[in-house]
PDB file of all heavy atoms in Angstrom:
ATOM      1  N   GLY A   1      -1.272   5.334   0.640  1.00  0.00           N
ATOM      2  CA  GLY A   1      -1.015   5.054  -0.762  1.00  0.00           C
ATOM      3  C   GLY A   1      -2.117   4.425  -1.586  1.00  0.00           C
ATOM      4  O   GLY A   1      -1.938   4.214  -2.774  1.00  0.00           O
ATOM      5  N   TRP A   2      -3.258   4.124  -0.996  1.00  0.00           N
ATOM      6  CA  TRP A   2      -4.317   3.479  -1.771  1.00  0.00           C
ATOM      7  C   TRP A   2      -4.947   4.476  -2.735  1.00  0.00           C
ATOM      8  O   TRP A   2      -5.251   5.605  -2.378  1.00  0.00           O
ATOM      9  CB  TRP A   2      -5.397   2.910  -0.854  1.00  0.00           C
ATOM     10  CG  TRP A   2      -4.945   1.704  -0.096  1.00  0.00           C
ATOM     11  CD1 TRP A   2      -4.646   1.647   1.227  1.00  0.00           C
ATOM     12  CD2 TRP A   2      -4.729   0.397  -0.603  1.00  0.00           C
ATOM     13  NE1 TRP A   2      -4.256   0.376   1.573  1.00  0.00           N
ATOM     14  CE2 TRP A   2      -4.300  -0.412   0.460  1.00  0.00           C
ATOM     15  CE3 TRP A   2      -4.857  -0.178  -1.869  1.00  0.00           C
ATOM     16  CZ2 TRP A   2      -3.997  -1.765   0.309  1.00  0.00           C
ATOM     17  CZ3 TRP A   2      -4.561  -1.531  -2.020  1.00  0.00           C
ATOM     18  CH2 TRP A   2      -4.133  -2.307  -0.941  1.00  0.00           C
ATOM     19  N   THR A   3      -5.122   4.040  -3.977  1.00  0.00           N
ATOM     20  CA  THR A   3      -5.787   4.848  -4.995  1.00  0.00           C
ATOM     21  C   THR A   3      -6.644   3.919  -5.849  1.00  0.00           C
ATOM     22  O   THR A   3      -6.380   2.720  -5.927  1.00  0.00           O
ATOM     23  CB  THR A   3      -4.760   5.618  -5.857  1.00  0.00           C
ATOM     24  OG1 THR A   3      -5.455   6.502  -6.732  1.00  0.00           O
ATOM     25  CG2 THR A   3      -3.885   4.691  -6.673  1.00  0.00           C
ATOM     26  N   TYR A   4      -7.657   4.464  -6.474  1.00  0.00           N
ATOM     27  CA  TYR A   4      -8.511   3.660  -7.337  1.00  0.00           C
ATOM     28  C   TYR A   4      -7.796   3.391  -8.661  1.00  0.00           C
ATOM     29  O   TYR A   4      -7.261   4.310  -9.282  1.00  0.00           O
ATOM     30  CB  TYR A   4      -9.860   4.340  -7.563  1.00  0.00           C
ATOM     31  CG  TYR A   4     -10.699   4.312  -6.316  1.00  0.00           C
ATOM     32  CD1 TYR A   4     -10.733   5.396  -5.451  1.00  0.00           C
ATOM     33  CD2 TYR A   4     -11.427   3.174  -5.976  1.00  0.00           C
ATOM     34  CE1 TYR A   4     -11.481   5.356  -4.285  1.00  0.00           C
ATOM     35  CE2 TYR A   4     -12.175   3.116  -4.813  1.00  0.00           C
ATOM     36  CZ  TYR A   4     -12.192   4.216  -3.966  1.00  0.00           C
ATOM     37  OH  TYR A   4     -12.929   4.160  -2.809  1.00  0.00           O
ATOM     38  N   GLY A   5      -7.790   2.132  -9.071  1.00  0.00           N
ATOM     39  CA  GLY A   5      -7.086   1.727 -10.278  1.00  0.00           C
ATOM     40  C   GLY A   5      -7.521   2.492 -11.517  1.00  0.00           C
ATOM     41  O   GLY A   5      -6.683   2.904 -12.327  1.00  0.00           O
ATOM     42  N   ASP A   6      -8.822   2.682 -11.683  1.00  0.00           N
ATOM     43  CA  ASP A   6      -9.307   3.405 -12.862  1.00  0.00           C
ATOM     44  C   ASP A   6      -8.826   4.849 -12.862  1.00  0.00           C
ATOM     45  O   ASP A   6      -8.455   5.390 -13.907  1.00  0.00           O
ATOM     46  CB  ASP A   6     -10.834   3.359 -12.937  1.00  0.00           C
ATOM     47  CG  ASP A   6     -11.359   1.959 -13.222  1.00  0.00           C
ATOM     48  OD1 ASP A   6     -10.582   1.111 -13.708  1.00  0.00           O
ATOM     49  OD2 ASP A   6     -12.551   1.715 -12.955  1.00  0.00           O
ATOM     50  N   ASP A   7      -8.828   5.485 -11.696  1.00  0.00           N
ATOM     51  CA  ASP A   7      -8.355   6.870 -11.596  1.00  0.00           C
ATOM     52  C   ASP A   7      -6.862   6.957 -11.919  1.00  0.00           C
ATOM     53  O   ASP A   7      -6.418   7.871 -12.617  1.00  0.00           O
ATOM     54  CB  ASP A   7      -8.597   7.442 -10.196  1.00  0.00           C
ATOM     55  CG  ASP A   7     -10.077   7.608  -9.872  1.00  0.00           C
ATOM     56  OD1 ASP A   7     -10.898   7.611 -10.815  1.00  0.00           O
ATOM     57  OD2 ASP A   7     -10.407   7.730  -8.671  1.00  0.00           O
ATOM     58  N   LEU A   8      -6.093   6.009 -11.408  1.00  0.00           N
ATOM     59  CA  LEU A   8      -4.658   6.001 -11.665  1.00  0.00           C
ATOM     60  C   LEU A   8      -4.376   5.793 -13.148  1.00  0.00           C
ATOM     61  O   LEU A   8      -3.568   6.504 -13.736  1.00  0.00           O
ATOM     62  CB  LEU A   8      -3.965   4.920 -10.829  1.00  0.00           C
ATOM     63  CG  LEU A   8      -2.461   4.794 -11.029  1.00  0.00           C
ATOM     64  CD1 LEU A   8      -1.744   6.083 -10.627  1.00  0.00           C
ATOM     65  CD2 LEU A   8      -1.928   3.610 -10.252  1.00  0.00           C
ATOM     66  N   ALA A   9      -5.054   4.830 -13.746  1.00  0.00           N
ATOM     67  CA  ALA A   9      -4.853   4.570 -15.172  1.00  0.00           C
ATOM     68  C   ALA A   9      -5.160   5.817 -15.997  1.00  0.00           C
ATOM     69  O   ALA A   9      -4.393   6.196 -16.876  1.00  0.00           O
ATOM     70  CB  ALA A   9      -5.721   3.394 -15.630  1.00  0.00           C
ATOM     71  N   ARG A  10      -6.270   6.460 -15.678  1.00  0.00           N
ATOM     72  CA  ARG A  10      -6.656   7.679 -16.395  1.00  0.00           C
ATOM     73  C   ARG A  10      -5.611   8.771 -16.230  1.00  0.00           C
ATOM     74  O   ARG A  10      -5.229   9.430 -17.180  1.00  0.00           O
ATOM     75  CB  ARG A  10      -8.035   8.152 -15.916  1.00  0.00           C
ATOM     76  CG  ARG A  10      -8.641   9.249 -16.723  1.00  0.00           C
ATOM     77  CD  ARG A  10     -10.101   9.588 -16.368  1.00  0.00           C
ATOM     78  NE  ARG A  10     -10.612   9.251 -15.045  1.00  0.00           N
ATOM     79  CZ  ARG A  10     -11.237   8.100 -14.705  1.00  0.00           C
ATOM     80  NH1 ARG A  10     -11.417   7.168 -15.575  1.00  0.00           N
ATOM     81  NH2 ARG A  10     -11.679   7.887 -13.485  1.00  0.00           N
ATOM     82  N   SER A  11      -5.113   8.955 -15.005  1.00  0.00           N
ATOM     83  CA  SER A  11      -4.122  10.007 -14.756  1.00  0.00           C
ATOM     84  C   SER A  11      -2.794   9.727 -15.468  1.00  0.00           C
ATOM     85  O   SER A  11      -2.065  10.646 -15.798  1.00  0.00           O
ATOM     86  CB  SER A  11      -3.893  10.210 -13.261  1.00  0.00           C
ATOM     87  OG  SER A  11      -3.149   9.148 -12.716  1.00  0.00           O
ATOM     88  N   LEU A  12      -2.506   8.455 -15.711  1.00  0.00           N
ATOM     89  CA  LEU A  12      -1.286   8.083 -16.420  1.00  0.00           C
ATOM     90  C   LEU A  12      -1.501   7.975 -17.932  1.00  0.00           C
ATOM     91  O   LEU A  12      -0.567   7.666 -18.671  1.00  0.00           O
ATOM     92  CB  LEU A  12      -0.737   6.760 -15.875  1.00  0.00           C
ATOM     93  CG  LEU A  12      -0.247   6.794 -14.433  1.00  0.00           C
ATOM     94  CD1 LEU A  12       0.147   5.396 -13.967  1.00  0.00           C
ATOM     95  CD2 LEU A  12       0.903   7.760 -14.274  1.00  0.00           C
ATOM     96  N   GLY A  13      -2.734   8.215 -18.373  1.00  0.00           N
ATOM     97  CA  GLY A  13      -3.026   8.190 -19.809  1.00  0.00           C
ATOM     98  C   GLY A  13      -3.018   6.804 -20.416  1.00  0.00           C
ATOM     99  O   GLY A  13      -2.611   6.622 -21.561  1.00  0.00           O
ATOM    100  N   MET A  14      -3.471   5.823 -19.639  1.00  0.00           N
ATOM    101  CA  MET A  14      -3.522   4.459 -20.160  1.00  0.00           C
ATOM    102  C   MET A  14      -4.849   3.818 -19.796  1.00  0.00           C
ATOM    103  O   MET A  14      -5.570   4.314 -18.934  1.00  0.00           O
ATOM    104  CB  MET A  14      -2.356   3.621 -19.607  1.00  0.00           C
ATOM    105  CG  MET A  14      -2.379   3.408 -18.108  1.00  0.00           C
ATOM    106  SD  MET A  14      -0.998   2.419 -17.481  1.00  0.00           S
ATOM    107  CE  MET A  14       0.360   3.533 -17.655  1.00  0.00           C
ATOM    108  N   SER A  15      -5.152   2.734 -20.453  1.00  0.00           N
ATOM    109  CA  SER A  15      -6.374   2.001 -20.137  1.00  0.00           C
ATOM    110  C   SER A  15      -6.154   1.160 -18.884  1.00  0.00           C
ATOM    111  O   SER A  15      -5.004   0.823 -18.553  1.00  0.00           O
ATOM    112  CB  SER A  15      -6.761   1.091 -21.302  1.00  0.00           C
ATOM    113  OG  SER A  15      -5.842   0.017 -21.400  1.00  0.00           O
ATOM    114  N   PRO A  16      -7.235   0.798 -18.208  1.00  0.00           N
ATOM    115  CA  PRO A  16      -7.085  -0.099 -17.051  1.00  0.00           C
ATOM    116  C   PRO A  16      -6.423  -1.434 -17.434  1.00  0.00           C
ATOM    117  O   PRO A  16      -5.662  -1.993 -16.646  1.00  0.00           O
ATOM    118  CB  PRO A  16      -8.520  -0.307 -16.571  1.00  0.00           C
ATOM    119  CG  PRO A  16      -9.232   0.933 -17.006  1.00  0.00           C
ATOM    120  CD  PRO A  16      -8.607   1.288 -18.329  1.00  0.00           C
ATOM    121  N   GLU A  17      -6.677  -1.906 -18.631  1.00  0.00           N
ATOM    122  CA  GLU A  17      -6.080  -3.159 -19.087  1.00  0.00           C
ATOM    123  C   GLU A  17      -4.563  -3.015 -19.241  1.00  0.00           C
ATOM    124  O   GLU A  17      -3.804  -3.902 -18.853  1.00  0.00           O
ATOM    125  CB  GLU A  17      -6.699  -3.611 -20.414  1.00  0.00           C
ATOM    126  CG  GLU A  17      -8.150  -4.015 -20.299  1.00  0.00           C
ATOM    127  CD  GLU A  17      -9.127  -2.842 -20.211  1.00  0.00           C
ATOM    128  OE1 GLU A  17      -8.767  -1.700 -20.588  1.00  0.00           O
ATOM    129  OE2 GLU A  17     -10.253  -3.072 -19.735  1.00  0.00           O
ATOM    130  N   THR A  18      -4.126  -1.886 -19.810  1.00  0.00           N
ATOM    131  CA  THR A  18      -2.691  -1.628 -19.955  1.00  0.00           C
ATOM    132  C   THR A  18      -2.031  -1.535 -18.587  1.00  0.00           C
ATOM    133  O   THR A  18      -0.928  -2.052 -18.382  1.00  0.00           O
ATOM    134  CB  THR A  18      -2.450  -0.338 -20.758  1.00  0.00           C
ATOM    135  OG1 THR A  18      -3.016  -0.494 -22.060  1.00  0.00           O
ATOM    136  CG2 THR A  18      -0.960  -0.019 -20.883  1.00  0.00           C
ATOM    137  N   MET A  19      -2.716  -0.900 -17.649  1.00  0.00           N
ATOM    138  CA  MET A  19      -2.172  -0.783 -16.305  1.00  0.00           C
ATOM    139  C   MET A  19      -2.003  -2.170 -15.672  1.00  0.00           C
ATOM    140  O   MET A  19      -0.985  -2.452 -15.047  1.00  0.00           O
ATOM    141  CB  MET A  19      -3.055   0.092 -15.418  1.00  0.00           C
ATOM    142  CG  MET A  19      -2.396   0.378 -14.071  1.00  0.00           C
ATOM    143  SD  MET A  19      -3.445   1.322 -12.974  1.00  0.00           S
ATOM    144  CE  MET A  19      -4.636   0.065 -12.520  1.00  0.00           C
ATOM    145  N   LYS A  20      -2.966  -3.042 -15.874  1.00  0.00           N
ATOM    146  CA  LYS A  20      -2.864  -4.398 -15.326  1.00  0.00           C
ATOM    147  C   LYS A  20      -1.675  -5.142 -15.920  1.00  0.00           C
ATOM    148  O   LYS A  20      -0.967  -5.871 -15.220  1.00  0.00           O
ATOM    149  CB  LYS A  20      -4.160  -5.166 -15.576  1.00  0.00           C
ATOM    150  CG  LYS A  20      -5.302  -4.687 -14.720  1.00  0.00           C
ATOM    151  CD  LYS A  20      -6.591  -5.412 -15.048  1.00  0.00           C
ATOM    152  CE  LYS A  20      -7.739  -4.805 -14.264  1.00  0.00           C
ATOM    153  NZ  LYS A  20      -9.026  -5.402 -14.622  1.00  0.00           N
ATOM    154  N   VAL A  21      -1.423  -4.949 -17.200  1.00  0.00           N
ATOM    155  CA  VAL A  21      -0.270  -5.569 -17.848  1.00  0.00           C
ATOM    156  C   VAL A  21       1.025  -5.030 -17.236  1.00  0.00           C
ATOM    157  O   VAL A  21       1.967  -5.783 -16.967  1.00  0.00           O
ATOM    158  CB  VAL A  21      -0.297  -5.342 -19.381  1.00  0.00           C
ATOM    159  CG1 VAL A  21       1.019  -5.752 -20.022  1.00  0.00           C
ATOM    160  CG2 VAL A  21      -1.458  -6.099 -20.004  1.00  0.00           C
ATOM    161  N   GLN A  22       1.068  -3.736 -16.985  1.00  0.00           N
ATOM    162  CA  GLN A  22       2.271  -3.153 -16.390  1.00  0.00           C
ATOM    163  C   GLN A  22       2.493  -3.648 -14.966  1.00  0.00           C
ATOM    164  O   GLN A  22       3.631  -3.860 -14.551  1.00  0.00           O
ATOM    165  CB  GLN A  22       2.218  -1.627 -16.463  1.00  0.00           C
ATOM    166  CG  GLN A  22       2.397  -1.130 -17.884  1.00  0.00           C
ATOM    167  CD  GLN A  22       2.656   0.348 -17.979  1.00  0.00           C
ATOM    168  OE1 GLN A  22       2.835   1.042 -16.982  1.00  0.00           O
ATOM    169  NE2 GLN A  22       2.693   0.848 -19.208  1.00  0.00           N
ATOM    170  N   VAL A  23       1.427  -3.839 -14.203  1.00  0.00           N
ATOM    171  CA  VAL A  23       1.545  -4.420 -12.860  1.00  0.00           C
ATOM    172  C   VAL A  23       2.146  -5.823 -12.967  1.00  0.00           C
ATOM    173  O   VAL A  23       3.078  -6.180 -12.243  1.00  0.00           O
ATOM    174  CB  VAL A  23       0.183  -4.449 -12.139  1.00  0.00           C
ATOM    175  CG1 VAL A  23       0.233  -5.329 -10.898  1.00  0.00           C
ATOM    176  CG2 VAL A  23      -0.268  -3.044 -11.787  1.00  0.00           C
ATOM    177  N   TYR A  24       1.637  -6.600 -13.893  1.00  0.00           N
ATOM    178  CA  TYR A  24       2.149  -7.956 -14.108  1.00  0.00           C
ATOM    179  C   TYR A  24       3.646  -7.924 -14.454  1.00  0.00           C
ATOM    180  O   TYR A  24       4.444  -8.692 -13.912  1.00  0.00           O
ATOM    181  CB  TYR A  24       1.356  -8.650 -15.223  1.00  0.00           C
ATOM    182  CG  TYR A  24       1.991  -9.936 -15.696  1.00  0.00           C
ATOM    183  CD1 TYR A  24       1.830 -11.117 -14.967  1.00  0.00           C
ATOM    184  CD2 TYR A  24       2.762  -9.970 -16.848  1.00  0.00           C
ATOM    185  CE1 TYR A  24       2.429 -12.296 -15.385  1.00  0.00           C
ATOM    186  CE2 TYR A  24       3.364 -11.148 -17.275  1.00  0.00           C
ATOM    187  CZ  TYR A  24       3.187 -12.300 -16.546  1.00  0.00           C
ATOM    188  OH  TYR A  24       3.784 -13.464 -16.958  1.00  0.00           O
ATOM    189  N   ARG A  25       4.030  -7.024 -15.349  1.00  0.00           N
ATOM    190  CA  ARG A  25       5.429  -6.935 -15.776  1.00  0.00           C
ATOM    191  C   ARG A  25       6.347  -6.503 -14.632  1.00  0.00           C
ATOM    192  O   ARG A  25       7.476  -6.993 -14.518  1.00  0.00           O
ATOM    193  CB  ARG A  25       5.558  -5.984 -16.961  1.00  0.00           C
ATOM    194  CG  ARG A  25       4.980  -6.585 -18.224  1.00  0.00           C
ATOM    195  CD  ARG A  25       5.076  -5.649 -19.392  1.00  0.00           C
ATOM    196  NE  ARG A  25       4.540  -6.294 -20.583  1.00  0.00           N
ATOM    197  CZ  ARG A  25       4.166  -5.646 -21.666  1.00  0.00           C
ATOM    198  NH1 ARG A  25       4.280  -4.325 -21.733  1.00  0.00           N
ATOM    199  NH2 ARG A  25       3.680  -6.308 -22.699  1.00  0.00           N
ATOM    200  N   ALA A  26       5.877  -5.593 -13.794  1.00  0.00           N
ATOM    201  CA  ALA A  26       6.684  -5.164 -12.643  1.00  0.00           C
ATOM    202  C   ALA A  26       6.904  -6.334 -11.696  1.00  0.00           C
ATOM    203  O   ALA A  26       8.034  -6.582 -11.243  1.00  0.00           O
ATOM    204  CB  ALA A  26       6.003  -4.009 -11.918  1.00  0.00           C
ATOM    205  N   ARG A  27       5.840  -7.060 -11.400  1.00  0.00           N
ATOM    206  CA  ARG A  27       5.971  -8.210 -10.505  1.00  0.00           C
ATOM    207  C   ARG A  27       6.893  -9.267 -11.093  1.00  0.00           C
ATOM    208  O   ARG A  27       7.735  -9.842 -10.403  1.00  0.00           O
ATOM    209  CB  ARG A  27       4.597  -8.810 -10.233  1.00  0.00           C
ATOM    210  CG  ARG A  27       3.731  -7.952  -9.342  1.00  0.00           C
ATOM    211  CD  ARG A  27       2.354  -8.539  -9.227  1.00  0.00           C
ATOM    212  NE  ARG A  27       1.545  -7.825  -8.236  1.00  0.00           N
ATOM    213  CZ  ARG A  27       0.229  -7.913  -8.174  1.00  0.00           C
ATOM    214  NH1 ARG A  27      -0.422  -8.679  -9.031  1.00  0.00           N
ATOM    215  NH2 ARG A  27      -0.432  -7.241  -7.256  1.00  0.00           N
ATOM    216  N   ARG A  28       6.724  -9.510 -12.369  1.00  0.00           N
ATOM    217  CA  ARG A  28       7.540 -10.530 -13.030  1.00  0.00           C
ATOM    218  C   ARG A  28       9.018 -10.155 -13.036  1.00  0.00           C
ATOM    219  O   ARG A  28       9.889 -11.004 -12.848  1.00  0.00           O
ATOM    220  CB  ARG A  28       7.039 -10.747 -14.449  1.00  0.00           C
ATOM    221  CG  ARG A  28       7.783 -11.853 -15.129  1.00  0.00           C
ATOM    222  CD  ARG A  28       7.152 -12.228 -16.405  1.00  0.00           C
ATOM    223  NE  ARG A  28       8.047 -13.165 -17.086  1.00  0.00           N
ATOM    224  CZ  ARG A  28       7.686 -13.919 -18.071  1.00  0.00           C
ATOM    225  NH1 ARG A  28       6.456 -13.857 -18.509  1.00  0.00           N
ATOM    226  NH2 ARG A  28       8.531 -14.733 -18.625  1.00  0.00           N
ATOM    227  N   GLN A  29       9.313  -8.873 -13.261  1.00  0.00           N
ATOM    228  CA  GLN A  29      10.708  -8.446 -13.281  1.00  0.00           C
ATOM    229  C   GLN A  29      11.378  -8.661 -11.924  1.00  0.00           C
ATOM    230  O   GLN A  29      12.566  -8.940 -11.840  1.00  0.00           O
ATOM    231  CB  GLN A  29      10.825  -6.982 -13.706  1.00  0.00           C
ATOM    232  CG  GLN A  29      12.263  -6.564 -13.921  1.00  0.00           C
ATOM    233  CD  GLN A  29      12.430  -5.131 -14.360  1.00  0.00           C
ATOM    234  OE1 GLN A  29      11.543  -4.307 -14.189  1.00  0.00           O
ATOM    235  NE2 GLN A  29      13.581  -4.829 -14.933  1.00  0.00           N
TER     236      GLN A  29
END
């Protein structure tokens, strides 16, 4: 399951910063 964060963000159509925020929100929930 390991993937590069920048590649994942790009494939999901978001910035790396937005992806980091979403990671934070998932953990917080």
